[in-house]
Structures are given as C-alpha cells and as structure tokens.
Amino acid sequence: MTSTAIRPAATASPVDTPILEAHNLTVAYREKPVLWHVDFAIRGPSLVGIIGPNGAGKSTLLKAVLGLLPVGSGHAEFFGQPLRKVRNRIGYVPQRESVDWDFPIQVLDVVLMGTYGRLGWIRRPGSAERELARNCLAKMGLEGLEHRQIGQLSGGQQQRVFLARALAQRADLYFMDEPMAGVDAATEQAIFRILAELRDQGKTVVVVHHDLRSVPERFDQLLLINQRLVAHGPTNKVFTAEILRKTYGGRLAILDELAVAVKTGQPST
C-alpha cells in the first residue's frame, strides 16, 4: 500500500518544531505486524482525527507513541523532545473498555488524578486542585456527581469524567482513544464542543474516531491508517473517495454514500 502524504503549503520556519512527530514507527504483536514504518508530523493547534478500518492499528498508534506498547523500530517526539521530558504536557483518555469501573473510587478523585503530574510525587491535591476538578466536571455537565462511585454512572457520564480528568491536566497535547464510543448524540456534541474549545485555546487534540459521517465537519487534519500510513493532511485534502478506498479496501458499503458527501461537502445522514 502506497502512502499518500498531503500536507499544507510550507509556511513553517526551521524553528517551527512539530507538536508530535513519528519516525519509522513499527509495532508487531507476537511477530504479527500491526503498524509498519509510520512517519508523520503534526503542527498545531489542531483537531486531528485518526481513522481506518477495525484492526488497522489506530489505538496501537496512540499507545506506541505514548510508550504504552513496545515498538519494533522507530520513535516519537513531542515538542521536539522525548516523552519523558514533556510527559506533564500530555493528556490521555483511554478506551472505556480498558478501565476497571468496579474500582472503589469517587468521581472527584478520578478527576483530581489529572492534577498529579504538575504536583509531583510529594504534594497532595489541595483546595485549588479541588476547585479546578469541580470546574472541569461542571464544564462536562457533571455537577453534583462528585461523590458518586465511578461505576454507578452511565457510559456517557463515565466518558465525560475521563475527559474532565484530561482537562484537569491542563495539557498542551491530548490523545483520546474513541471518546465517542457508546455515547448518545447529545454527549458526542458536548465532547466535540470541548475539543474545539481546546483547539481554539492553542491545544492539539488527536482523536481515534470511527464515525466517518462526522469527520468532514469535526476535524482539521486526518491520519488515515491501515497498518501503514495511507494519508495525512488537511481534512479537505485527504478525505476523498479515492483515499478512503485505499484505506478501507472497499470493505465498507458506506463508502459510496461518503463519496457523494465528499463531492457535495455535506455530511451523509
């Protein structure tokens, strides 16, 4: 599969360091390749979508750059530095399925975890951090749930709690692994509104996303993945019928419908 990398016109100076850069990133599970020689650079602020078929390596890409999975070759840099030097500038929201929702912890304590990176190992969250955590919960529409056990919430509420924790980190770069999975339409709109606000505040947000219909109106840039990087660039340049077919191999019936949406500039219904 040939990679099609489409990038904006060169306006960056030599000192314009990418926010996230992957070099020759390769990952395999038990000798089975999952990602091959992935190279890209993201400059922000931007809302970046990662899309591709099931099993394409989208979540693997996030975990690999964050050091949560071993890589066969290559590496990632953040703000021109290795992860260990800038970890407190990075936020991560995992898939809901990876979380133990029976763990006996209250909602407010989950969100307070987002403040730990800036406090260090010795200091404990104080009144300022608790106020910040409550403000983040309010932003996500979760006022009054501070003392509920996390497992007592609905799936959409749980997802918003983890987004509130990410907001409490006050990071510059966020990674979110399918934050829209299992949430209703109102929650999805609320989440995208928060992500757009982060982008407008100068942050960069990288999101694994599965709903192709919402892609054109939601994301500034796309990474299209199918074990290799198929394309990377502005959404209006790479979200095309041709590149979608290269990415999905014609396996989705929705592609013909999306081709019409791409041509008209309107999301399909």
Protein backbone atom coordinates (compact mmCIF):
# COMPACT_ATOMS: atom_id res chain seq x y z
CA MET A 1 0.00 0.00 0.00
CA THR A 2 1.47 3.34 -1.01
CA SER A 3 1.31 6.23 1.43
CA THR A 4 -0.22 9.47 0.19
CA ALA A 5 1.01 12.28 2.39
CA ILE A 6 -0.63 15.61 1.60
CA ARG A 7 0.50 18.50 3.71
CA PRO A 8 -0.31 22.21 3.85
CA ALA A 9 1.82 24.63 1.88
CA ALA A 10 5.19 25.14 3.57
CA THR A 11 4.94 28.14 5.82
CA ALA A 12 6.89 26.86 8.80
CA SER A 13 10.30 28.20 9.63
CA PRO A 14 13.18 25.85 10.57
CA VAL A 15 12.45 26.56 14.24
CA ASP A 16 8.78 25.56 13.91
CA THR A 17 9.06 22.30 15.86
CA PRO A 18 6.25 19.77 15.35
CA ILE A 19 3.98 19.13 18.32
CA LEU A 20 4.07 15.41 17.55
CA GLU A 21 6.42 13.63 15.18
CA ALA A 22 6.68 9.89 14.50
CA HIS A 23 9.72 8.44 12.77
CA ASN A 24 9.62 4.99 11.14
CA LEU A 25 7.29 3.65 13.84
CA THR A 26 6.79 -0.12 13.59
CA VAL A 27 4.84 -2.32 16.03
CA ALA A 28 4.19 -6.07 15.98
CA TYR A 29 2.23 -8.40 18.27
CA ARG A 30 3.79 -11.88 18.54
CA GLU A 31 5.60 -11.29 15.26
CA LYS A 32 2.38 -10.22 13.52
CA PRO A 33 2.78 -6.70 12.09
CA VAL A 34 0.30 -4.11 13.28
CA LEU A 35 1.97 -0.87 12.17
CA TRP A 36 4.67 -0.52 9.54
CA HIS A 37 7.10 2.39 9.15
CA VAL A 38 4.69 5.16 10.12
CA ASP A 39 6.06 8.68 9.62
CA PHE A 40 4.18 11.92 10.17
CA ALA A 41 4.47 15.32 11.81
CA ILE A 42 1.61 17.30 13.36
CA ARG A 43 1.76 21.02 13.82
CA GLY A 44 -0.97 22.75 15.75
CA PRO A 45 -3.11 23.93 17.25
CA SER A 46 -5.32 21.39 15.55
CA LEU A 47 -8.05 18.80 16.00
CA VAL A 48 -6.66 15.65 14.38
CA GLY A 49 -8.68 12.53 13.60
CA ILE A 50 -7.19 9.04 13.22
CA ILE A 51 -9.45 6.89 11.07
CA GLY A 52 -9.22 3.47 9.45
CA PRO A 53 -10.87 0.03 9.49
CA ASN A 54 -11.06 -2.25 12.53
CA GLY A 55 -7.69 -3.79 13.26
CA ALA A 56 -5.85 -1.12 11.28
CA GLY A 57 -3.67 -0.10 14.24
CA LYS A 58 -5.33 3.17 15.28
CA SER A 59 -5.31 2.55 19.03
CA THR A 60 -1.95 0.83 18.70
CA LEU A 61 -0.53 4.02 17.21
CA LEU A 62 -1.64 6.07 20.22
CA LYS A 63 -0.27 3.55 22.71
CA ALA A 64 3.00 3.21 20.82
CA VAL A 65 3.78 6.92 20.73
CA LEU A 66 2.86 7.18 24.43
CA GLY A 67 5.21 4.37 25.39
CA LEU A 68 2.38 2.07 26.49
CA LEU A 69 3.42 -0.59 23.95
CA PRO A 70 6.88 -1.71 22.90
CA VAL A 71 7.88 -0.69 19.38
CA GLY A 72 9.90 -2.78 16.95
CA SER A 73 11.59 0.26 15.45
CA GLY A 74 11.30 4.00 15.27
CA HIS A 75 10.35 6.56 17.88
CA ALA A 76 8.13 9.54 18.59
CA GLU A 77 8.98 13.07 19.70
CA PHE A 78 6.79 15.65 21.41
CA PHE A 79 7.59 19.33 21.04
CA GLY A 80 10.98 18.16 19.73
CA GLN A 81 11.76 16.16 22.86
CA PRO A 82 11.37 12.58 24.12
CA LEU A 83 8.24 11.70 26.08
CA ARG A 84 9.98 11.51 29.46
CA LYS A 85 10.88 15.20 29.33
CA VAL A 86 7.40 16.51 28.47
CA ARG A 87 5.05 13.95 30.00
CA ASN A 88 3.23 16.56 32.10
CA ARG A 89 2.26 18.42 28.89
CA ILE A 90 0.40 15.39 27.52
CA GLY A 91 -3.07 14.09 28.39
CA TYR A 92 -4.53 10.69 27.52
CA VAL A 93 -8.11 9.37 27.55
CA PRO A 94 -8.15 5.56 27.04
CA GLN A 95 -10.96 3.45 25.66
CA ARG A 96 -13.74 2.81 28.17
CA GLU A 97 -13.27 -0.95 27.81
CA SER A 98 -9.77 -0.71 29.28
CA VAL A 99 -10.95 0.78 32.60
CA ASP A 100 -11.95 -1.17 35.73
CA TRP A 101 -15.24 0.54 36.52
CA ASP A 102 -15.71 -1.50 39.71
CA PHE A 103 -12.70 0.11 41.35
CA PRO A 104 -13.95 1.88 44.54
CA ILE A 105 -13.14 5.47 43.68
CA GLN A 106 -15.31 8.57 43.59
CA VAL A 107 -15.78 10.81 40.58
CA LEU A 108 -13.96 13.80 42.11
CA ASP A 109 -10.94 11.66 42.96
CA VAL A 110 -10.74 10.43 39.36
CA VAL A 111 -10.64 13.99 38.08
CA LEU A 112 -8.09 15.01 40.72
CA MET A 113 -5.72 12.45 39.21
CA GLY A 114 -5.33 14.88 36.35
CA THR A 115 -3.55 17.30 38.68
CA TYR A 116 -0.92 14.83 39.91
CA GLY A 117 1.54 15.45 37.06
CA ARG A 118 2.01 19.09 37.98
CA LEU A 119 2.02 18.46 41.74
CA GLY A 120 4.80 15.88 41.67
CA TRP A 121 5.20 12.89 43.96
CA ILE A 122 5.22 14.70 47.32
CA ARG A 123 2.44 17.30 47.23
CA ARG A 124 -1.18 16.23 47.54
CA PRO A 125 -4.12 17.98 45.88
CA GLY A 126 -5.33 20.94 47.89
CA SER A 127 -8.25 23.36 47.70
CA ALA A 128 -7.02 24.89 44.42
CA GLU A 129 -6.85 21.49 42.75
CA ARG A 130 -10.28 20.51 44.09
CA GLU A 131 -11.76 23.71 42.72
CA LEU A 132 -10.15 23.03 39.36
CA ALA A 133 -11.53 19.47 39.35
CA ARG A 134 -15.05 20.71 40.16
CA ASN A 135 -14.81 23.30 37.39
CA CYS A 136 -13.78 20.59 34.92
CA LEU A 137 -16.73 18.43 35.99
CA ALA A 138 -19.07 21.40 35.57
CA LYS A 139 -17.68 22.03 32.09
CA MET A 140 -18.61 18.44 31.23
CA GLY A 141 -22.11 18.82 32.73
CA LEU A 142 -21.43 16.57 35.73
CA GLU A 143 -22.21 18.91 38.64
CA GLY A 144 -23.50 17.10 41.71
CA LEU A 145 -21.85 13.77 40.88
CA GLU A 146 -18.56 14.41 42.67
CA HIS A 147 -19.11 11.78 45.35
CA ARG A 148 -20.62 9.04 43.21
CA GLN A 149 -18.64 5.85 42.66
CA ILE A 150 -17.41 5.89 39.05
CA GLY A 151 -19.08 2.55 38.24
CA GLN A 152 -22.51 3.93 39.17
CA LEU A 153 -22.51 6.34 36.24
CA SER A 154 -23.81 5.72 32.75
CA GLY A 155 -21.36 5.03 29.94
CA GLY A 156 -21.63 8.58 28.63
CA GLN A 157 -21.09 10.04 32.10
CA GLN A 158 -18.05 7.83 32.65
CA GLN A 159 -16.56 9.05 29.41
CA ARG A 160 -17.14 12.65 30.41
CA VAL A 161 -15.46 12.03 33.78
CA PHE A 162 -12.32 10.89 31.99
CA LEU A 163 -12.48 13.92 29.74
CA ALA A 164 -12.78 16.10 32.84
CA ARG A 165 -9.66 14.39 34.22
CA ALA A 166 -7.85 15.24 30.98
CA LEU A 167 -8.97 18.87 31.24
CA ALA A 168 -7.62 19.00 34.79
CA GLN A 169 -4.18 18.08 33.45
CA ARG A 170 -4.08 21.41 31.59
CA ALA A 171 -2.03 19.68 28.92
CA ASP A 172 -0.88 21.07 25.59
CA LEU A 173 -1.37 17.84 23.65
CA TYR A 174 -4.23 15.39 24.19
CA PHE A 175 -4.69 11.84 22.94
CA MET A 176 -8.20 10.37 23.04
CA ASP A 177 -9.00 6.79 22.07
CA GLU A 178 -12.56 6.60 20.68
CA PRO A 179 -14.08 9.07 23.17
CA MET A 180 -17.38 8.98 21.25
CA ALA A 181 -17.84 5.21 21.52
CA GLY A 182 -21.06 4.26 23.31
CA VAL A 183 -22.25 7.81 23.98
CA ASP A 184 -25.50 9.40 22.84
CA ALA A 185 -25.74 12.19 20.28
CA ALA A 186 -26.00 14.94 22.90
CA THR A 187 -22.89 13.71 24.71
CA GLU A 188 -21.00 13.45 21.42
CA GLN A 189 -21.87 17.05 20.57
CA ALA A 190 -20.78 18.17 24.05
CA ILE A 191 -17.47 16.33 23.73
CA PHE A 192 -16.73 17.77 20.29
CA ARG A 193 -17.57 21.24 21.59
CA ILE A 194 -14.98 20.83 24.37
CA LEU A 195 -12.39 19.52 21.90
CA ALA A 196 -12.95 22.50 19.62
CA GLU A 197 -12.53 24.84 22.61
CA LEU A 198 -9.22 23.18 23.47
CA ARG A 199 -8.06 23.67 19.88
CA ASP A 200 -9.13 27.31 19.97
CA GLN A 201 -7.11 27.73 23.19
CA GLY A 202 -3.97 26.65 21.32
CA LYS A 203 -4.02 22.95 22.18
CA THR A 204 -3.71 19.98 19.85
CA VAL A 205 -6.10 17.05 20.23
CA VAL A 206 -5.53 13.69 18.50
CA VAL A 207 -8.65 11.50 18.41
CA VAL A 208 -9.21 7.92 17.27
CA HIS A 209 -12.62 8.12 15.64
CA HIS A 210 -14.88 5.57 13.94
CA ASP A 211 -17.88 7.52 12.60
CA LEU A 212 -16.88 8.62 9.10
CA ARG A 213 -20.06 10.66 8.62
CA SER A 214 -18.97 13.24 11.19
CA VAL A 215 -15.36 13.51 10.02
CA PRO A 216 -15.63 16.39 7.49
CA GLU A 217 -17.25 18.82 9.90
CA ARG A 218 -15.25 17.92 13.01
CA PHE A 219 -11.54 17.56 12.20
CA ASP A 220 -8.89 19.93 10.85
CA GLN A 221 -6.43 17.16 9.92
CA LEU A 222 -6.64 13.42 9.39
CA LEU A 223 -4.33 10.46 9.71
CA LEU A 224 -5.72 7.58 7.62
CA ILE A 225 -4.26 4.29 8.86
CA ASN A 226 -4.36 0.72 7.62
CA GLN A 227 -1.25 -0.80 9.19
CA ARG A 228 0.65 1.78 7.20
CA LEU A 229 0.01 5.50 6.94
CA VAL A 230 -2.22 5.85 3.87
CA ALA A 231 -2.53 9.63 4.00
CA HIS A 232 -2.03 12.59 6.29
CA GLY A 233 -3.07 16.16 5.76
CA PRO A 234 -5.89 18.71 5.97
CA THR A 235 -9.29 17.05 6.04
CA ASN A 236 -10.48 18.81 2.90
CA LYS A 237 -7.48 17.40 1.02
CA VAL A 238 -7.35 13.79 2.22
CA PHE A 239 -10.97 12.92 2.99
CA THR A 240 -11.67 11.85 -0.58
CA ALA A 241 -13.37 8.81 -2.08
CA GLU A 242 -10.08 7.62 -3.60
CA ILE A 243 -8.11 7.81 -0.34
CA LEU A 244 -10.97 6.28 1.64
CA ARG A 245 -10.99 3.30 -0.72
CA LYS A 246 -7.22 2.94 -0.32
CA THR A 247 -7.70 2.98 3.44
CA TYR A 248 -10.70 0.68 3.74
CA GLY A 249 -10.10 -1.50 0.71
CA GLY A 250 -13.70 -1.10 -0.47
CA ARG A 251 -14.92 -3.09 2.53
CA LEU A 252 -17.46 -0.53 3.71
CA ALA A 253 -20.81 -0.14 1.99
CA ILE A 254 -20.87 3.41 3.31
CA LEU A 255 -18.04 4.44 1.00
CA ASP A 256 -20.29 5.11 -1.98
CA GLU A 257 -22.53 7.26 0.19
CA LEU A 258 -19.48 9.07 1.55
CA ALA A 259 -18.23 9.69 -1.96
CA VAL A 260 -21.37 11.73 -2.60
CA ALA A 261 -20.89 13.55 0.71
CA VAL A 262 -17.29 14.38 -0.20
CA LYS A 263 -18.31 15.82 -3.56
CA THR A 264 -21.14 17.93 -2.14
CA GLY A 265 -19.30 18.95 1.01
CA GLN A 266 -22.26 17.76 3.10
CA PRO A 267 -22.11 15.06 5.81
CA SER A 268 -24.11 11.96 4.95
CA THR A 269 -27.10 11.04 7.08
